[in-house]
Amino acid sequence: ATAASAEEKPYEGVELNFLRHSGYDADWMTEKAKAFYEETGIKVNIEQVAYSDSHNKFVVDASSDGGTYDLYATTEYWLPEFYEGGWIIDLQQFIDAEELYDEEYEIDDVSAAMLDLNKMDGKLLAMPWKFNSQMLVYNKDLVSEAPASWDDILETAKAQSDSGNIGIALALSKASAMDIYLNLLYQNGGTFLSDDLTICNLDSEEAKEAMEFLVELAQYASDGSVNNQWPETATLYSQGKTAMAYTVNTQMENILDPEKSEVVESTGIVEEPGPVTACATSSTWGICITKNCEYPEAAYLFIQYITNAENMRELVEQTSGSTNPVRTSLLEDEELSEKYPWFTVMEQISAQEGHTFAYPKTTQCTSIMD
């Protein structure tokens, strides 16, 4: 129960509109909204639209006075645009309010790194519920021990390629290649933009070395890698003739599915190693409250309810671990880690300082990604 959902139901009769991209967890949230209504009397109408349409639809609505939506599901790299536009509000004020914040929510259980991705100027602009990140998987039938450096990865990939296997599966289509390169850049101690976000640092030595490594590594990838996205890479690795793969947590269910994969028992999972640090670019999905929301306290109560540990565990289980939770307790949970062994690596990425990076916090992020 939420702190303000006692018998008096102080926000009973309030109706909220929540815009988000469609998908399984959107259907799940719609069902949970019904339970929330029974508990609090607050009705949350969840409108689902295609991911490709959600950003523009939100911007048009939020930038107008008297917009329709009270809540919006967002990735953190859209937040600078929303913040500069003045379209969303700080959630920290509600966490600090005794009459609203439920101590059982345990905000300290939410990864500090993932919260930071959703902050600007000290303001918490969205509450994350899940994150996506990359890792290195390797076939223990082909690779005797986990690669611990770029040199290890190159040597392993070359040796496997020379023996007739695919050295590494790489997703080198436009969006995926960007993610892989950013990981390598950060692993090598580089930065994409200067701290004040005004200078591009892709002409640095660290950036050049990262690109040279990727170009060399791509020699040992499969033909057609420049057309591969994450699903194609996971399928290729799952066939058992690929030594390694850079992959993302959303593909792990397929890699470890006995009905789809030849490498369930032989797959090792580690953080991606680098010359300076093991790290990965991470991206969250969170929920923000709009400036047009007439009852932001009620909206916060819904966020607190939908992202609490109990509900997040339910969502993790119902999505077979494809929902990668931001809560440390869930990533460390022995039962969940046994079912979803990549959670251990995801916990390392999200909990260890300096092991996660994000896209630059600039309104030009989408243009930069393109």
Protein backbone atom coordinates (compact mmCIF):
# COMPACT_ATOMS: atom_id res chain seq x y z
CA ALA A 1 0.00 0.00 0.00
CA THR A 2 1.12 3.55 -0.64
CA ALA A 3 1.59 6.01 2.16
CA ALA A 4 -1.42 8.09 1.13
CA SER A 5 -3.76 5.24 0.25
CA ALA A 6 -5.24 4.58 3.67
CA GLU A 7 -8.97 4.26 4.21
CA GLU A 8 -9.63 7.94 3.51
CA LYS A 9 -8.40 7.64 -0.12
CA PRO A 10 -7.50 11.35 -0.36
CA TYR A 11 -7.34 11.34 -4.18
CA GLU A 12 -10.41 9.22 -4.82
CA GLY A 13 -12.12 10.30 -8.02
CA VAL A 14 -8.95 11.67 -9.65
CA GLU A 15 -8.48 10.55 -13.26
CA LEU A 16 -5.05 10.52 -14.93
CA ASN A 17 -4.01 9.99 -18.53
CA PHE A 18 -0.77 8.08 -19.18
CA LEU A 19 0.79 7.97 -22.66
CA ARG A 20 3.34 5.27 -23.41
CA HIS A 21 4.66 3.06 -26.18
CA SER A 22 2.90 -0.23 -26.74
CA GLY A 23 4.29 -3.59 -25.68
CA TYR A 24 3.91 -6.32 -23.10
CA ASP A 25 4.71 -4.16 -20.10
CA ALA A 26 2.16 -1.60 -21.31
CA ASP A 27 -0.52 -4.30 -21.18
CA TRP A 28 0.75 -5.33 -17.75
CA MET A 29 0.63 -1.73 -16.50
CA THR A 30 -2.94 -1.43 -17.74
CA GLU A 31 -3.92 -4.42 -15.61
CA LYS A 32 -2.03 -3.09 -12.58
CA ALA A 33 -3.80 0.27 -13.00
CA LYS A 34 -7.07 -1.52 -12.26
CA ALA A 35 -5.68 -2.84 -8.97
CA PHE A 36 -4.36 0.64 -8.16
CA TYR A 37 -7.84 2.06 -8.73
CA GLU A 38 -9.36 -0.43 -6.32
CA GLU A 39 -6.81 0.54 -3.69
CA THR A 40 -6.76 4.32 -4.07
CA GLY A 41 -9.78 5.40 -6.11
CA ILE A 42 -7.36 6.98 -8.63
CA LYS A 43 -8.16 5.98 -12.20
CA VAL A 44 -5.24 5.80 -14.63
CA ASN A 45 -6.11 5.61 -18.33
CA ILE A 46 -3.17 4.16 -20.25
CA GLU A 47 -3.03 5.07 -23.92
CA GLN A 48 -0.69 2.93 -26.00
CA VAL A 49 0.86 4.15 -29.25
CA ALA A 50 3.64 2.80 -31.46
CA TYR A 51 7.12 3.61 -30.18
CA SER A 52 7.85 5.54 -33.38
CA ASP A 53 4.89 7.84 -32.68
CA SER A 54 5.12 8.32 -28.93
CA HIS A 55 7.82 11.01 -28.75
CA ASN A 56 6.22 13.39 -31.22
CA LYS A 57 2.75 12.84 -29.77
CA PHE A 58 4.01 13.69 -26.30
CA VAL A 59 5.94 16.79 -27.41
CA VAL A 60 2.92 18.23 -29.23
CA ASP A 61 0.72 17.65 -26.18
CA ALA A 62 3.17 18.68 -23.46
CA SER A 63 4.23 21.88 -25.21
CA SER A 64 0.65 23.16 -25.30
CA ASP A 65 -1.24 24.67 -22.38
CA GLY A 66 -3.84 22.34 -20.99
CA GLY A 67 -2.33 19.22 -22.55
CA THR A 68 -4.11 15.89 -22.20
CA TYR A 69 -1.42 13.74 -20.61
CA ASP A 70 -0.40 13.60 -16.95
CA LEU A 71 2.19 10.82 -17.21
CA TYR A 72 4.55 9.70 -19.95
CA ALA A 73 6.91 6.74 -20.37
CA THR A 74 10.27 8.01 -21.57
CA THR A 75 13.83 6.97 -22.17
CA GLU A 76 16.38 9.16 -20.43
CA TYR A 77 17.92 10.59 -23.61
CA TRP A 78 14.67 12.50 -24.31
CA LEU A 79 14.70 14.15 -20.88
CA PRO A 80 17.02 17.09 -21.76
CA GLU A 81 14.54 18.17 -24.44
CA PHE A 82 11.59 17.82 -22.07
CA TYR A 83 13.44 19.60 -19.26
CA GLU A 84 14.53 22.51 -21.43
CA GLY A 85 10.95 22.84 -22.68
CA GLY A 86 9.68 22.99 -19.10
CA TRP A 87 7.26 20.15 -19.80
CA ILE A 88 8.00 17.82 -16.88
CA ILE A 89 8.39 18.27 -13.12
CA ASP A 90 10.83 17.17 -10.41
CA LEU A 91 9.80 13.92 -8.71
CA GLN A 92 12.15 14.39 -5.75
CA GLN A 93 9.64 16.71 -4.05
CA PHE A 94 7.21 13.81 -3.70
CA ILE A 95 9.84 11.38 -2.42
CA ASP A 96 10.68 14.00 0.23
CA ALA A 97 7.02 14.36 1.29
CA GLU A 98 6.22 12.17 4.31
CA GLU A 99 2.53 12.05 3.49
CA LEU A 100 3.26 10.61 0.03
CA TYR A 101 6.44 8.57 0.23
CA ASP A 102 6.02 4.95 1.30
CA GLU A 103 9.07 3.80 3.27
CA GLU A 104 8.53 0.28 1.96
CA TYR A 105 9.24 1.64 -1.52
CA GLU A 106 12.94 1.84 -0.54
CA ILE A 107 14.27 4.37 -3.03
CA ASP A 108 17.81 3.38 -1.96
CA ASP A 109 17.16 -0.01 -3.56
CA VAL A 110 16.95 1.69 -6.95
CA SER A 111 20.39 1.84 -8.60
CA ALA A 112 21.96 5.24 -7.96
CA ALA A 113 23.55 5.09 -11.42
CA MET A 114 20.17 4.56 -13.09
CA LEU A 115 18.59 7.36 -11.06
CA ASP A 116 21.45 9.66 -12.10
CA LEU A 117 20.70 8.95 -15.76
CA ASN A 118 17.27 10.48 -15.13
CA LYS A 119 18.49 13.59 -13.31
CA MET A 120 19.40 17.08 -14.49
CA ASP A 121 20.47 19.93 -12.25
CA GLY A 122 19.79 17.69 -9.27
CA LYS A 123 16.15 17.15 -10.29
CA LEU A 124 14.75 13.64 -10.74
CA LEU A 125 12.85 13.97 -14.00
CA ALA A 126 11.62 10.39 -14.37
CA MET A 127 11.46 7.29 -12.19
CA PRO A 128 13.10 4.39 -14.06
CA TRP A 129 11.66 0.91 -13.89
CA LYS A 130 14.02 -0.96 -16.25
CA PHE A 131 17.27 -0.54 -18.12
CA ASN A 132 19.01 -2.04 -21.12
CA SER A 133 22.72 -2.66 -21.36
CA GLN A 134 25.31 -4.72 -23.20
CA MET A 135 27.49 -7.65 -22.19
CA LEU A 136 29.86 -10.17 -23.73
CA VAL A 137 28.75 -13.77 -24.12
CA TYR A 138 31.19 -16.53 -25.06
CA ASN A 139 30.88 -20.20 -25.95
CA LYS A 140 32.79 -22.21 -23.35
CA ASP A 141 33.02 -25.16 -25.77
CA LEU A 142 35.16 -22.96 -28.02
CA VAL A 143 36.73 -20.49 -25.57
CA SER A 144 38.53 -21.88 -22.51
CA GLU A 145 38.14 -18.78 -20.31
CA ALA A 146 36.41 -15.44 -20.40
CA PRO A 147 38.25 -12.80 -22.41
CA ALA A 148 39.60 -10.17 -20.01
CA SER A 149 40.89 -7.52 -22.42
CA TRP A 150 40.62 -6.23 -25.97
CA ASP A 151 43.74 -8.24 -26.83
CA ASP A 152 42.07 -11.38 -25.50
CA ILE A 153 39.00 -10.70 -27.60
CA LEU A 154 41.04 -10.09 -30.77
CA GLU A 155 43.26 -13.15 -30.25
CA THR A 156 40.25 -15.37 -29.55
CA ALA A 157 38.30 -14.04 -32.51
CA LYS A 158 41.26 -14.53 -34.88
CA ALA A 159 42.03 -18.04 -33.63
CA GLN A 160 38.40 -19.12 -33.97
CA SER A 161 38.14 -17.56 -37.41
CA ASP A 162 41.32 -19.37 -38.52
CA SER A 163 39.80 -22.66 -37.33
CA GLY A 164 36.66 -22.19 -39.39
CA ASN A 165 34.30 -20.73 -36.79
CA ILE A 166 32.94 -17.19 -36.57
CA GLY A 167 35.16 -15.24 -34.20
CA ILE A 168 32.50 -12.89 -32.89
CA ALA A 169 28.92 -11.95 -33.72
CA LEU A 170 28.52 -8.18 -34.12
CA ALA A 171 25.42 -6.07 -34.72
CA LEU A 172 26.83 -3.38 -37.01
CA SER A 173 23.69 -1.85 -38.50
CA LYS A 174 23.43 1.87 -37.84
CA ALA A 175 21.87 2.09 -34.37
CA SER A 176 23.57 -1.04 -33.01
CA ALA A 177 27.02 -0.05 -34.26
CA MET A 178 26.67 3.26 -32.46
CA ASP A 179 25.96 1.46 -29.19
CA ILE A 180 28.90 -0.90 -29.62
CA TYR A 181 31.27 1.93 -30.50
CA LEU A 182 30.20 4.06 -27.54
CA ASN A 183 30.92 1.13 -25.23
CA LEU A 184 34.40 0.78 -26.67
CA LEU A 185 35.00 4.52 -26.42
CA TYR A 186 34.09 4.59 -22.72
CA GLN A 187 36.02 1.36 -22.01
CA ASN A 188 39.07 3.10 -23.42
CA GLY A 189 38.66 6.12 -21.15
CA GLY A 190 37.27 8.37 -23.87
CA THR A 191 34.28 10.70 -23.85
CA PHE A 192 31.86 11.53 -26.64
CA LEU A 193 31.37 15.20 -25.79
CA SER A 194 33.16 17.61 -23.50
CA ASP A 195 31.75 18.14 -20.01
CA ASP A 196 29.99 21.31 -21.15
CA LEU A 197 28.55 19.40 -24.14
CA THR A 198 29.98 21.87 -26.68
CA ILE A 199 32.94 19.96 -28.17
CA CYS A 200 32.92 16.59 -29.93
CA ASN A 201 35.81 14.43 -28.73
CA LEU A 202 35.75 11.83 -31.49
CA ASP A 203 39.14 13.04 -32.74
CA SER A 204 40.83 12.04 -29.47
CA GLU A 205 43.38 9.23 -29.27
CA GLU A 206 40.97 7.20 -27.13
CA ALA A 207 38.27 7.54 -29.77
CA LYS A 208 40.61 6.60 -32.62
CA GLU A 209 41.89 3.53 -30.75
CA ALA A 210 38.34 2.40 -30.06
CA MET A 211 37.45 2.71 -33.75
CA GLU A 212 40.60 0.90 -34.84
CA PHE A 213 39.80 -1.94 -32.46
CA LEU A 214 36.25 -2.24 -33.81
CA VAL A 215 37.45 -2.20 -37.43
CA GLU A 216 40.00 -4.93 -36.68
CA LEU A 217 37.47 -7.00 -34.71
CA ALA A 218 34.93 -6.76 -37.53
CA GLN A 219 37.30 -8.80 -39.73
CA TYR A 220 36.39 -11.85 -37.66
CA ALA A 221 32.63 -11.28 -37.69
CA SER A 222 30.19 -12.95 -40.05
CA ASP A 223 29.55 -11.71 -43.57
CA GLY A 224 26.74 -9.19 -43.62
CA SER A 225 27.34 -7.92 -40.08
CA VAL A 226 26.75 -4.37 -41.26
CA ASN A 227 23.11 -5.36 -41.75
CA ASN A 228 22.74 -7.15 -38.41
CA GLN A 229 20.79 -5.85 -35.46
CA TRP A 230 20.68 -7.43 -32.00
CA PRO A 231 18.18 -10.23 -32.84
CA GLU A 232 20.23 -11.43 -35.82
CA THR A 233 23.39 -11.45 -33.72
CA ALA A 234 21.72 -13.48 -30.96
CA THR A 235 20.42 -16.00 -33.50
CA LEU A 236 23.86 -16.37 -35.06
CA TYR A 237 25.54 -16.93 -31.71
CA SER A 238 22.84 -19.39 -30.63
CA GLN A 239 23.71 -21.71 -33.53
CA GLY A 240 26.91 -22.76 -31.76
CA LYS A 241 29.59 -21.91 -34.34
CA THR A 242 30.35 -18.44 -33.00
CA ALA A 243 32.94 -17.98 -30.26
CA MET A 244 31.65 -14.71 -28.80
CA ALA A 245 29.05 -11.99 -29.21
CA TYR A 246 28.43 -8.50 -27.98
CA THR A 247 24.75 -8.63 -27.05
CA VAL A 248 22.06 -6.89 -25.01
CA ASN A 249 20.00 -8.16 -22.09
CA THR A 250 16.79 -8.17 -24.15
CA GLN A 251 18.28 -10.98 -26.30
CA MET A 252 19.40 -13.22 -23.45
CA GLU A 253 16.09 -15.04 -23.18
CA ASN A 254 16.57 -16.22 -26.80
CA ILE A 255 20.23 -17.12 -26.30
CA LEU A 256 19.35 -19.27 -23.29
CA ASP A 257 16.12 -20.78 -24.66
CA PRO A 258 16.64 -24.57 -25.05
CA GLU A 259 14.13 -24.63 -27.91
CA LYS A 260 16.03 -21.98 -29.89
CA SER A 261 19.65 -22.26 -28.83
CA GLU A 262 22.46 -24.81 -29.11
CA VAL A 263 24.58 -23.06 -26.48
CA VAL A 264 22.40 -22.88 -23.37
CA GLU A 265 24.75 -24.93 -21.19
CA SER A 266 27.98 -23.62 -22.71
CA THR A 267 27.35 -19.86 -22.56
CA GLY A 268 29.45 -17.70 -20.27
CA ILE A 269 28.35 -14.12 -19.53
CA VAL A 270 30.67 -11.28 -18.46
CA GLU A 271 30.97 -7.52 -18.55
CA GLU A 272 32.64 -6.22 -21.69
CA PRO A 273 36.32 -5.71 -20.77
CA GLY A 274 38.32 -2.68 -21.85
CA PRO A 275 41.77 -1.14 -21.52
CA VAL A 276 40.66 1.28 -18.79
CA THR A 277 37.46 -0.23 -17.37
CA ALA A 278 34.77 -2.80 -17.94
CA CYS A 279 31.64 -0.80 -18.65
CA ALA A 280 28.61 -0.46 -20.86
CA THR A 281 26.38 2.27 -22.20
CA SER A 282 23.00 1.87 -20.50
CA SER A 283 19.59 3.28 -21.26
CA THR A 284 16.56 3.38 -19.00
CA TRP A 285 12.81 3.54 -19.38
CA GLY A 286 11.06 5.63 -16.76
CA ILE A 287 7.85 7.52 -16.04
CA CYS A 288 7.66 11.31 -15.79
CA ILE A 289 4.89 13.68 -14.67
CA THR A 290 3.95 16.56 -16.95
CA LYS A 291 3.59 20.23 -16.06
CA ASN A 292 -0.03 19.96 -17.26
CA CYS A 293 -0.89 17.41 -14.57
CA GLU A 294 -3.54 18.84 -12.26
CA TYR A 295 -2.97 16.21 -9.57
CA PRO A 296 0.78 15.48 -9.56
CA GLU A 297 0.62 13.93 -6.08
CA ALA A 298 -1.82 11.32 -7.33
CA ALA A 299 0.36 10.73 -10.38
CA TYR A 300 3.36 10.18 -8.13
CA LEU A 301 1.42 7.63 -6.09
CA PHE A 302 0.80 5.65 -9.26
CA ILE A 303 4.49 5.75 -10.19
CA GLN A 304 5.39 4.64 -6.68
CA TYR A 305 2.89 1.80 -6.89
CA ILE A 306 3.74 0.53 -10.36
CA THR A 307 7.53 0.56 -9.74
CA ASN A 308 7.60 -0.90 -6.23
CA ALA A 309 9.67 -4.03 -5.63
CA GLU A 310 6.73 -6.42 -5.49
CA ASN A 311 5.25 -5.28 -8.78
CA MET A 312 8.63 -5.12 -10.49
CA ARG A 313 9.37 -8.70 -9.48
CA GLU A 314 6.05 -9.73 -10.99
CA LEU A 315 6.90 -7.96 -14.26
CA VAL A 316 10.36 -9.55 -14.35
CA GLU A 317 8.86 -13.01 -13.95
CA GLN A 318 6.10 -12.44 -16.49
CA THR A 319 8.62 -11.27 -19.10
CA SER A 320 11.05 -14.14 -18.38
CA GLY A 321 13.74 -11.70 -17.32
CA SER A 322 13.51 -9.52 -20.44
CA THR A 323 12.56 -6.68 -18.11
CA ASN A 324 15.90 -5.80 -16.57
CA PRO A 325 14.98 -4.15 -13.24
CA VAL A 326 16.77 -1.13 -11.82
CA ARG A 327 16.32 -2.51 -8.29
CA THR A 328 19.48 -4.00 -6.77
CA SER A 329 17.51 -6.39 -4.57
CA LEU A 330 15.98 -8.02 -7.66
CA LEU A 331 19.24 -8.21 -9.59
CA GLU A 332 20.89 -9.83 -6.55
CA ASP A 333 17.99 -12.16 -5.76
CA GLU A 334 19.29 -15.75 -5.84
CA GLU A 335 16.12 -17.25 -7.29
CA LEU A 336 15.94 -14.67 -10.09
CA SER A 337 19.68 -14.88 -10.82
CA GLU A 338 19.42 -18.64 -11.22
CA LYS A 339 16.61 -18.22 -13.73
CA TYR A 340 18.17 -15.21 -15.45
CA PRO A 341 21.97 -15.58 -15.07
CA TRP A 342 22.71 -12.31 -16.87
CA PHE A 343 21.25 -10.45 -13.87
CA THR A 344 24.58 -10.89 -12.07
CA VAL A 345 26.38 -8.95 -14.81
CA MET A 346 23.62 -6.36 -14.97
CA GLU A 347 24.00 -5.83 -11.23
CA GLN A 348 27.74 -5.25 -11.68
CA ILE A 349 27.08 -2.69 -14.40
CA SER A 350 24.41 -0.83 -12.44
CA ALA A 351 25.96 -1.01 -8.96
CA GLN A 352 29.68 -0.42 -9.47
CA GLU A 353 30.73 3.20 -9.87
CA GLY A 354 32.08 3.94 -13.33
CA HIS A 355 30.63 0.81 -14.94
CA THR A 356 27.72 2.48 -16.70
CA PHE A 357 27.61 5.39 -19.12
CA ALA A 358 24.76 7.06 -20.95
CA TYR A 359 24.12 9.15 -24.00
CA PRO A 360 25.11 12.82 -23.57
CA LYS A 361 22.51 14.93 -21.75
CA THR A 362 21.84 17.30 -24.58
CA THR A 363 18.76 18.28 -26.55
CA GLN A 364 20.69 17.21 -29.66
CA CYS A 365 20.94 13.60 -28.55
CA THR A 366 18.58 12.21 -31.18
CA SER A 367 20.46 14.06 -33.94
CA ILE A 368 23.77 12.83 -32.57
CA MET A 369 22.50 9.25 -32.57
CA ASP A 370 21.39 9.58 -36.19
